[in-house]
Amino acid sequence: MRFTLSFFIVLGSSAAASDYQTWGQSGEWEILVNSAMGNGCFARRILEDKTEIQIGTVPNRNGGYFAAYNADWTGIRDSEFGVVEFDFSDAIFAGDAVAHFESEVPGGYAFFDNPAFVKEFAKRNSVTVSSGGRKLIDIDLGGSKKAIDAILACQNKQPAPSIDN
């Protein structure tokens, strides 16, 4: 089954780590609030290869995002666009992503407004992320269901955002 995500690049202002406030912990996932994105809650986890992955909400855009950063990913140019695929085995999501640096670490992110993506992320044990037919990373999604639940609980505690048009 193949799904197309409606990815939009909306994280225009680079969020600095100082925009993050710790909200809690869910297993290996740290739950934070990003004041630069309308007090959006997100979960982040550092993988064995030192890749930081994030999944979170962008409440003032009625959606969410997935991001991955790794200091070893050289050759990435900030703000370059590309297409990424998230392969959950029998469900594949694809859409646009943008290269971005998080605290000077290269990586990228993609905004999504398709709730089916979050459901797959929460119920699966792993996902393969690729671009242009080249595998970028395999991600162990252990504990992701509880992390998604924690993100939603965190978001419910935040003030209602004003929706950007």
N, C-alpha and C. Protein backbone atom coordinates (compact mmCIF):
# COMPACT_ATOMS: atom_id res chain seq x y z
N MET A 1 0.85 -1.16 0.00
CA MET A 1 0.00 0.00 0.00
C MET A 1 0.90 1.23 0.00
N ARG A 2 0.67 2.17 -0.88
CA ARG A 2 1.48 3.38 -0.98
C ARG A 2 0.61 4.59 -0.67
N PHE A 3 1.13 5.47 0.16
CA PHE A 3 0.43 6.70 0.52
C PHE A 3 1.31 7.87 0.15
N THR A 4 0.72 8.94 -0.25
CA THR A 4 1.46 10.17 -0.46
C THR A 4 1.18 11.09 0.70
N LEU A 5 2.22 11.55 1.31
CA LEU A 5 2.07 12.52 2.38
C LEU A 5 2.03 13.90 1.77
N SER A 6 1.22 14.75 2.31
CA SER A 6 1.25 16.14 1.89
C SER A 6 2.29 16.83 2.75
N PHE A 7 3.52 16.82 2.28
CA PHE A 7 4.60 17.46 3.01
C PHE A 7 4.64 18.93 2.64
N PHE A 8 4.83 19.76 3.61
CA PHE A 8 5.00 21.18 3.39
C PHE A 8 6.19 21.63 4.22
N ILE A 9 6.96 22.50 3.71
CA ILE A 9 8.09 23.01 4.45
C ILE A 9 7.61 24.22 5.23
N VAL A 10 7.42 24.06 6.51
CA VAL A 10 6.85 25.13 7.33
C VAL A 10 7.72 25.48 8.52
N LEU A 11 8.83 24.84 8.65
CA LEU A 11 9.66 25.09 9.81
C LEU A 11 10.67 26.17 9.48
N GLY A 12 10.22 27.21 8.80
CA GLY A 12 11.07 28.26 8.27
C GLY A 12 12.08 28.82 9.22
N SER A 13 11.71 29.09 10.44
CA SER A 13 12.69 29.62 11.37
C SER A 13 13.37 28.45 12.06
N SER A 14 14.68 28.42 12.00
CA SER A 14 15.42 27.34 12.64
C SER A 14 15.21 27.41 14.13
N ALA A 15 14.81 26.32 14.68
CA ALA A 15 14.62 26.26 16.13
C ALA A 15 15.95 25.96 16.78
N ALA A 16 16.27 26.71 17.78
CA ALA A 16 17.49 26.46 18.54
C ALA A 16 17.13 25.58 19.73
N ALA A 17 18.11 24.85 20.22
CA ALA A 17 17.86 23.99 21.37
C ALA A 17 17.31 24.79 22.55
N SER A 18 17.61 26.07 22.60
CA SER A 18 17.08 26.90 23.70
C SER A 18 15.57 27.09 23.59
N ASP A 19 14.99 26.80 22.41
CA ASP A 19 13.54 26.88 22.24
C ASP A 19 12.85 25.63 22.81
N TYR A 20 13.63 24.63 23.23
CA TYR A 20 13.09 23.37 23.72
C TYR A 20 12.99 23.38 25.24
N GLN A 21 11.86 22.85 25.72
CA GLN A 21 11.67 22.67 27.15
C GLN A 21 11.32 21.21 27.39
N THR A 22 11.99 20.58 28.31
CA THR A 22 11.72 19.17 28.62
C THR A 22 10.35 19.05 29.26
N TRP A 23 9.55 18.11 28.75
CA TRP A 23 8.22 17.84 29.30
C TRP A 23 8.20 16.52 30.05
N GLY A 24 8.96 15.54 29.56
CA GLY A 24 8.95 14.23 30.20
C GLY A 24 9.79 13.22 29.46
N GLN A 25 9.59 11.96 29.78
CA GLN A 25 10.34 10.85 29.21
C GLN A 25 9.37 9.71 28.93
N SER A 26 9.59 9.00 27.84
CA SER A 26 8.81 7.81 27.51
C SER A 26 9.79 6.75 27.02
N GLY A 27 10.27 5.91 27.91
CA GLY A 27 11.28 4.92 27.55
C GLY A 27 12.54 5.64 27.07
N GLU A 28 13.00 5.30 25.87
CA GLU A 28 14.19 5.93 25.30
C GLU A 28 13.90 7.28 24.65
N TRP A 29 12.65 7.66 24.61
CA TRP A 29 12.25 8.90 23.94
C TRP A 29 12.11 10.03 24.96
N GLU A 30 12.79 11.14 24.68
CA GLU A 30 12.63 12.35 25.49
C GLU A 30 11.50 13.16 24.88
N ILE A 31 10.58 13.64 25.69
CA ILE A 31 9.44 14.42 25.21
C ILE A 31 9.73 15.89 25.53
N LEU A 32 9.65 16.74 24.51
CA LEU A 32 9.97 18.15 24.66
C LEU A 32 8.89 19.02 24.06
N VAL A 33 8.92 20.30 24.40
CA VAL A 33 8.02 21.30 23.82
C VAL A 33 8.90 22.29 23.08
N ASN A 34 8.52 22.61 21.84
CA ASN A 34 9.27 23.56 21.02
C ASN A 34 8.47 24.85 20.92
N SER A 35 8.89 25.87 21.65
CA SER A 35 8.17 27.14 21.65
C SER A 35 8.22 27.84 20.29
N ALA A 36 9.25 27.55 19.49
CA ALA A 36 9.36 28.18 18.17
C ALA A 36 8.34 27.63 17.17
N MET A 37 7.73 26.49 17.48
CA MET A 37 6.72 25.91 16.59
C MET A 37 5.37 25.86 17.28
N GLY A 38 4.96 26.97 17.85
CA GLY A 38 3.63 27.05 18.44
C GLY A 38 3.45 26.15 19.63
N ASN A 39 4.50 25.96 20.43
CA ASN A 39 4.47 25.05 21.57
C ASN A 39 4.12 23.62 21.15
N GLY A 40 4.71 23.21 20.03
CA GLY A 40 4.52 21.85 19.55
C GLY A 40 5.34 20.87 20.37
N CYS A 41 4.73 19.76 20.73
CA CYS A 41 5.42 18.71 21.48
C CYS A 41 6.07 17.74 20.50
N PHE A 42 7.22 17.22 20.89
CA PHE A 42 7.88 16.24 20.04
C PHE A 42 8.68 15.27 20.90
N ALA A 43 8.98 14.13 20.28
CA ALA A 43 9.81 13.11 20.93
C ALA A 43 11.11 13.02 20.16
N ARG A 44 12.20 12.86 20.89
CA ARG A 44 13.48 12.64 20.22
C ARG A 44 14.22 11.51 20.91
N ARG A 45 15.02 10.87 20.09
CA ARG A 45 15.76 9.71 20.55
C ARG A 45 17.08 9.67 19.79
N ILE A 46 18.14 9.28 20.48
CA ILE A 46 19.44 9.13 19.84
C ILE A 46 19.67 7.64 19.58
N LEU A 47 19.90 7.29 18.31
CA LEU A 47 20.12 5.90 17.94
C LEU A 47 21.58 5.50 18.20
N GLU A 48 21.86 4.21 18.08
CA GLU A 48 23.21 3.70 18.34
C GLU A 48 24.26 4.36 17.46
N ASP A 49 23.92 4.70 16.22
CA ASP A 49 24.88 5.33 15.31
C ASP A 49 24.97 6.84 15.50
N LYS A 50 24.39 7.35 16.57
CA LYS A 50 24.39 8.77 16.95
C LYS A 50 23.42 9.62 16.13
N THR A 51 22.53 8.97 15.37
CA THR A 51 21.50 9.71 14.64
C THR A 51 20.42 10.14 15.63
N GLU A 52 20.09 11.42 15.60
CA GLU A 52 18.98 11.93 16.41
C GLU A 52 17.74 11.92 15.53
N ILE A 53 16.69 11.25 15.99
CA ILE A 53 15.42 11.30 15.27
C ILE A 53 14.40 12.03 16.12
N GLN A 54 13.50 12.70 15.44
CA GLN A 54 12.44 13.45 16.10
C GLN A 54 11.13 13.20 15.37
N ILE A 55 10.06 13.14 16.12
CA ILE A 55 8.72 13.15 15.53
C ILE A 55 7.88 14.02 16.46
N GLY A 56 7.12 14.92 15.84
CA GLY A 56 6.37 15.83 16.69
C GLY A 56 5.26 16.55 15.99
N THR A 57 4.64 17.45 16.74
CA THR A 57 3.50 18.20 16.25
C THR A 57 3.90 19.61 15.86
N VAL A 58 3.18 20.15 14.90
CA VAL A 58 3.28 21.55 14.52
C VAL A 58 1.84 22.07 14.61
N PRO A 59 1.40 22.40 15.84
CA PRO A 59 -0.01 22.69 16.05
C PRO A 59 -0.53 23.91 15.30
N ASN A 60 0.31 24.89 15.03
CA ASN A 60 -0.18 26.06 14.30
C ASN A 60 -0.27 25.79 12.80
N ARG A 61 0.02 24.57 12.37
CA ARG A 61 -0.15 24.14 10.98
C ARG A 61 -1.01 22.89 10.87
N ASN A 62 -1.59 22.44 11.97
CA ASN A 62 -2.42 21.24 11.99
C ASN A 62 -1.71 20.03 11.39
N GLY A 63 -0.49 19.79 11.83
CA GLY A 63 0.24 18.65 11.32
C GLY A 63 1.38 18.27 12.23
N GLY A 64 2.34 17.60 11.65
CA GLY A 64 3.49 17.14 12.40
C GLY A 64 4.71 17.06 11.52
N TYR A 65 5.80 16.57 12.08
CA TYR A 65 7.03 16.45 11.30
C TYR A 65 7.85 15.27 11.78
N PHE A 66 8.71 14.81 10.89
CA PHE A 66 9.71 13.81 11.20
C PHE A 66 11.05 14.43 10.81
N ALA A 67 12.06 14.26 11.64
CA ALA A 67 13.39 14.79 11.35
C ALA A 67 14.45 13.79 11.78
N ALA A 68 15.60 13.83 11.11
CA ALA A 68 16.75 13.00 11.47
C ALA A 68 18.02 13.81 11.23
N TYR A 69 18.96 13.70 12.18
CA TYR A 69 20.22 14.45 12.11
C TYR A 69 21.38 13.55 12.52
N ASN A 70 22.52 13.68 11.82
CA ASN A 70 23.69 12.90 12.16
C ASN A 70 24.93 13.67 11.68
N ALA A 71 25.90 13.85 12.57
CA ALA A 71 27.12 14.60 12.24
C ALA A 71 27.90 13.96 11.10
N ASP A 72 27.73 12.66 10.87
CA ASP A 72 28.46 11.96 9.81
C ASP A 72 27.83 12.15 8.42
N TRP A 73 26.68 12.78 8.36
CA TRP A 73 26.02 12.98 7.06
C TRP A 73 26.59 14.22 6.39
N THR A 74 27.73 14.05 5.79
CA THR A 74 28.37 15.18 5.11
C THR A 74 27.77 15.37 3.72
N GLY A 75 27.99 16.50 3.15
CA GLY A 75 27.49 16.78 1.80
C GLY A 75 26.07 17.32 1.77
N ILE A 76 25.45 17.46 2.92
CA ILE A 76 24.09 18.02 2.97
C ILE A 76 24.20 19.54 2.93
N ARG A 77 23.42 20.13 2.05
CA ARG A 77 23.38 21.59 1.97
C ARG A 77 22.06 22.09 2.51
N ASP A 78 22.14 22.99 3.48
CA ASP A 78 20.96 23.53 4.14
C ASP A 78 19.94 24.01 3.12
N SER A 79 18.69 23.66 3.35
CA SER A 79 17.52 24.09 2.56
C SER A 79 17.37 23.41 1.21
N GLU A 80 18.20 22.41 0.89
CA GLU A 80 17.98 21.65 -0.34
C GLU A 80 16.73 20.78 -0.17
N PHE A 81 16.00 20.60 -1.26
CA PHE A 81 14.78 19.79 -1.23
C PHE A 81 15.05 18.43 -1.84
N GLY A 82 14.30 17.44 -1.39
CA GLY A 82 14.39 16.10 -1.94
C GLY A 82 13.12 15.34 -1.59
N VAL A 83 13.04 14.12 -2.07
CA VAL A 83 11.90 13.26 -1.78
C VAL A 83 12.39 12.14 -0.88
N VAL A 84 11.62 11.85 0.16
CA VAL A 84 11.94 10.75 1.06
C VAL A 84 10.78 9.76 1.07
N GLU A 85 11.14 8.51 1.31
CA GLU A 85 10.14 7.46 1.47
C GLU A 85 10.34 6.81 2.83
N PHE A 86 9.22 6.55 3.48
CA PHE A 86 9.20 5.84 4.76
C PHE A 86 8.55 4.49 4.48
N ASP A 87 9.33 3.43 4.53
CA ASP A 87 8.86 2.08 4.21
C ASP A 87 8.62 1.31 5.50
N PHE A 88 7.34 1.09 5.79
CA PHE A 88 6.93 0.33 6.97
C PHE A 88 6.64 -1.12 6.59
N SER A 89 7.17 -1.61 5.51
CA SER A 89 7.00 -2.95 4.98
C SER A 89 5.80 -3.02 4.06
N ASP A 90 4.58 -2.98 4.59
CA ASP A 90 3.41 -3.06 3.72
C ASP A 90 2.71 -1.71 3.55
N ALA A 91 3.30 -0.66 4.06
CA ALA A 91 2.78 0.70 3.89
C ALA A 91 3.96 1.62 3.65
N ILE A 92 3.92 2.37 2.54
CA ILE A 92 4.99 3.29 2.20
C ILE A 92 4.41 4.69 2.07
N PHE A 93 5.07 5.63 2.73
CA PHE A 93 4.69 7.03 2.64
C PHE A 93 5.82 7.77 1.94
N ALA A 94 5.49 8.69 1.05
CA ALA A 94 6.51 9.45 0.34
C ALA A 94 6.11 10.91 0.27
N GLY A 95 7.12 11.76 0.25
CA GLY A 95 6.85 13.18 0.13
C GLY A 95 8.12 14.00 0.14
N ASP A 96 7.96 15.31 0.07
CA ASP A 96 9.08 16.23 0.03
C ASP A 96 9.68 16.43 1.41
N ALA A 97 10.97 16.65 1.42
CA ALA A 97 11.70 16.95 2.65
C ALA A 97 12.71 18.05 2.33
N VAL A 98 13.22 18.67 3.37
CA VAL A 98 14.21 19.72 3.20
C VAL A 98 15.40 19.44 4.10
N ALA A 99 16.60 19.68 3.56
CA ALA A 99 17.81 19.55 4.35
C ALA A 99 17.85 20.69 5.37
N HIS A 100 18.35 20.36 6.54
CA HIS A 100 18.34 21.34 7.64
C HIS A 100 19.46 20.98 8.62
N PHE A 101 19.98 21.97 9.28
CA PHE A 101 20.99 21.73 10.31
C PHE A 101 20.38 22.04 11.67
N GLU A 102 20.51 21.11 12.59
CA GLU A 102 20.03 21.26 13.95
C GLU A 102 21.26 21.40 14.84
N SER A 103 21.47 22.58 15.41
CA SER A 103 22.67 22.85 16.21
C SER A 103 23.93 22.47 15.45
N GLU A 104 23.98 22.85 14.18
CA GLU A 104 25.11 22.63 13.27
C GLU A 104 25.30 21.17 12.85
N VAL A 105 24.34 20.31 13.15
CA VAL A 105 24.40 18.91 12.75
C VAL A 105 23.51 18.73 11.52
N PRO A 106 24.05 18.15 10.42
CA PRO A 106 23.26 18.01 9.20
C PRO A 106 22.17 16.96 9.30
N GLY A 107 21.12 17.18 8.54
CA GLY A 107 20.01 16.24 8.48
C GLY A 107 18.90 16.82 7.66
N GLY A 108 17.68 16.51 8.04
CA GLY A 108 16.54 17.03 7.30
C GLY A 108 15.24 16.72 8.00
N TYR A 109 14.19 17.33 7.50
CA TYR A 109 12.88 17.13 8.09
C TYR A 109 11.81 17.25 7.01
N ALA A 110 10.65 16.73 7.35
CA ALA A 110 9.49 16.82 6.48
C ALA A 110 8.25 17.02 7.34
N PHE A 111 7.38 17.90 6.93
CA PHE A 111 6.11 18.16 7.58
C PHE A 111 5.08 17.21 6.98
N PHE A 112 4.16 16.72 7.78
CA PHE A 112 3.08 15.89 7.26
C PHE A 112 1.76 16.29 7.89
N ASP A 113 0.70 16.10 7.11
CA ASP A 113 -0.64 16.36 7.63
C ASP A 113 -1.54 15.15 7.42
N ASN A 114 -0.93 13.99 7.30
CA ASN A 114 -1.64 12.74 7.09
C ASN A 114 -1.58 11.93 8.39
N PRO A 115 -2.69 11.83 9.14
CA PRO A 115 -2.67 11.11 10.41
C PRO A 115 -2.31 9.64 10.27
N ALA A 116 -2.46 9.06 9.08
CA ALA A 116 -2.11 7.65 8.89
C ALA A 116 -0.61 7.43 9.10
N PHE A 117 0.20 8.44 8.80
CA PHE A 117 1.65 8.31 9.01
C PHE A 117 1.95 8.09 10.49
N VAL A 118 1.35 8.88 11.35
CA VAL A 118 1.60 8.76 12.79
C VAL A 118 1.11 7.40 13.30
N LYS A 119 -0.02 6.94 12.79
CA LYS A 119 -0.54 5.64 13.20
C LYS A 119 0.43 4.52 12.84
N GLU A 120 0.99 4.57 11.62
CA GLU A 120 1.97 3.56 11.21
C GLU A 120 3.23 3.65 12.08
N PHE A 121 3.70 4.87 12.31
CA PHE A 121 4.89 5.09 13.13
C PHE A 121 4.70 4.49 14.52
N ALA A 122 3.52 4.68 15.08
CA ALA A 122 3.25 4.20 16.44
C ALA A 122 3.11 2.69 16.51
N LYS A 123 2.57 2.05 15.49
CA LYS A 123 2.29 0.63 15.61
C LYS A 123 3.39 -0.28 15.06
N ARG A 124 4.39 0.28 14.42
CA ARG A 124 5.43 -0.54 13.80
C ARG A 124 6.66 -0.68 14.69
N ASN A 125 7.45 -1.71 14.38
CA ASN A 125 8.70 -1.93 15.10
C ASN A 125 9.89 -1.29 14.42
N SER A 126 9.75 -1.00 13.10
CA SER A 126 10.86 -0.39 12.37
C SER A 126 10.35 0.30 11.12
N VAL A 127 11.20 1.18 10.59
CA VAL A 127 10.92 1.85 9.32
C VAL A 127 12.25 2.07 8.62
N THR A 128 12.23 1.95 7.30
CA THR A 128 13.39 2.27 6.48
C THR A 128 13.10 3.58 5.78
N VAL A 129 14.02 4.53 5.91
CA VAL A 129 13.90 5.82 5.25
C VAL A 129 14.87 5.83 4.09
N SER A 130 14.37 6.19 2.90
CA SER A 130 15.23 6.22 1.72
C SER A 130 14.93 7.46 0.89
N SER A 131 15.83 7.74 -0.02
CA SER A 131 15.67 8.86 -0.94
C SER A 131 16.33 8.51 -2.26
N GLY A 132 15.62 8.70 -3.34
CA GLY A 132 16.18 8.41 -4.66
C GLY A 132 16.61 6.97 -4.81
N GLY A 133 15.90 6.05 -4.16
CA GLY A 133 16.24 4.64 -4.24
C GLY A 133 17.41 4.23 -3.35
N ARG A 134 17.97 5.18 -2.61
CA ARG A 134 19.11 4.91 -1.72
C ARG A 134 18.63 4.90 -0.27
N LYS A 135 18.89 3.80 0.41
CA LYS A 135 18.51 3.71 1.82
C LYS A 135 19.35 4.68 2.63
N LEU A 136 18.66 5.50 3.43
CA LEU A 136 19.35 6.45 4.29
C LEU A 136 19.56 5.89 5.68
N ILE A 137 18.51 5.25 6.22
CA ILE A 137 18.61 4.77 7.60
C ILE A 137 17.48 3.78 7.89
N ASP A 138 17.80 2.77 8.69
CA ASP A 138 16.79 1.89 9.28
C ASP A 138 16.59 2.35 10.71
N ILE A 139 15.36 2.50 11.12
CA ILE A 139 15.08 3.02 12.46
C ILE A 139 14.28 2.00 13.25
N ASP A 140 14.79 1.65 14.42
CA ASP A 140 14.07 0.81 15.37
C ASP A 140 13.04 1.70 16.04
N LEU A 141 11.78 1.36 15.93
CA LEU A 141 10.71 2.16 16.49
C LEU A 141 10.22 1.63 17.84
N GLY A 142 11.06 0.91 18.51
CA GLY A 142 10.70 0.39 19.83
C GLY A 142 10.23 1.51 20.75
N GLY A 143 9.09 1.30 21.38
CA GLY A 143 8.53 2.30 22.30
C GLY A 143 7.85 3.46 21.63
N SER A 144 7.71 3.42 20.31
CA SER A 144 7.14 4.57 19.60
C SER A 144 5.66 4.79 19.92
N LYS A 145 4.90 3.72 20.19
CA LYS A 145 3.48 3.88 20.54
C LYS A 145 3.35 4.71 21.81
N LYS A 146 4.13 4.35 22.84
CA LYS A 146 4.07 5.11 24.09
C LYS A 146 4.59 6.53 23.90
N ALA A 147 5.59 6.70 23.04
CA ALA A 147 6.12 8.04 22.78
C ALA A 147 5.08 8.91 22.08
N ILE A 148 4.35 8.35 21.12
CA ILE A 148 3.28 9.10 20.43
C ILE A 148 2.19 9.46 21.43
N ASP A 149 1.83 8.52 22.29
CA ASP A 149 0.83 8.82 23.34
C ASP A 149 1.32 9.96 24.24
N ALA A 150 2.61 9.95 24.58
CA ALA A 150 3.18 11.01 25.43
C ALA A 150 3.18 12.36 24.70
N ILE A 151 3.48 12.35 23.40
CA ILE A 151 3.44 13.59 22.61
C ILE A 151 2.03 14.17 22.65
N LEU A 152 1.03 13.32 22.45
CA LEU A 152 -0.36 13.79 22.44
C LEU A 152 -0.78 14.30 23.82
N ALA A 153 -0.35 13.62 24.88
CA ALA A 153 -0.66 14.08 26.24
C ALA A 153 0.01 15.43 26.49
N CYS A 154 1.24 15.56 26.07
CA CYS A 154 1.97 16.83 26.20
C CYS A 154 1.23 17.93 25.44
N GLN A 155 0.83 17.63 24.21
CA GLN A 155 0.18 18.65 23.38
C GLN A 155 -1.15 19.09 24.00
N ASN A 156 -1.86 18.15 24.62
CA ASN A 156 -3.13 18.50 25.27
C ASN A 156 -2.94 19.45 26.44
N LYS A 157 -1.73 19.52 27.00
CA LYS A 157 -1.43 20.42 28.12
C LYS A 157 -0.97 21.81 27.63
N GLN A 158 -0.77 21.97 26.34
CA GLN A 158 -0.27 23.23 25.81
C GLN A 158 -1.45 24.18 25.48
N PRO A 159 -1.19 25.50 25.50
CA PRO A 159 -2.24 26.43 25.10
C PRO A 159 -2.60 26.21 23.64
N ALA A 160 -3.85 26.48 23.30
CA ALA A 160 -4.31 26.32 21.92
C ALA A 160 -3.53 27.29 21.03
N PRO A 161 -3.05 26.79 19.88
CA PRO A 161 -2.27 27.65 18.98
C PRO A 161 -3.18 28.53 18.11
N SER A 162 -2.59 29.58 17.61
CA SER A 162 -3.29 30.33 16.56
C SER A 162 -2.83 29.69 15.25
N ILE A 163 -3.76 29.39 14.38
CA ILE A 163 -3.47 28.70 13.13
C ILE A 163 -2.96 29.70 12.11
N ASP A 164 -1.77 29.39 11.53
CA ASP A 164 -1.22 30.21 10.46
C ASP A 164 -1.92 29.87 9.15
N ASN A 165 -2.13 30.83 8.33
CA ASN A 165 -2.75 30.58 7.02
C ASN A 165 -1.73 30.60 5.93
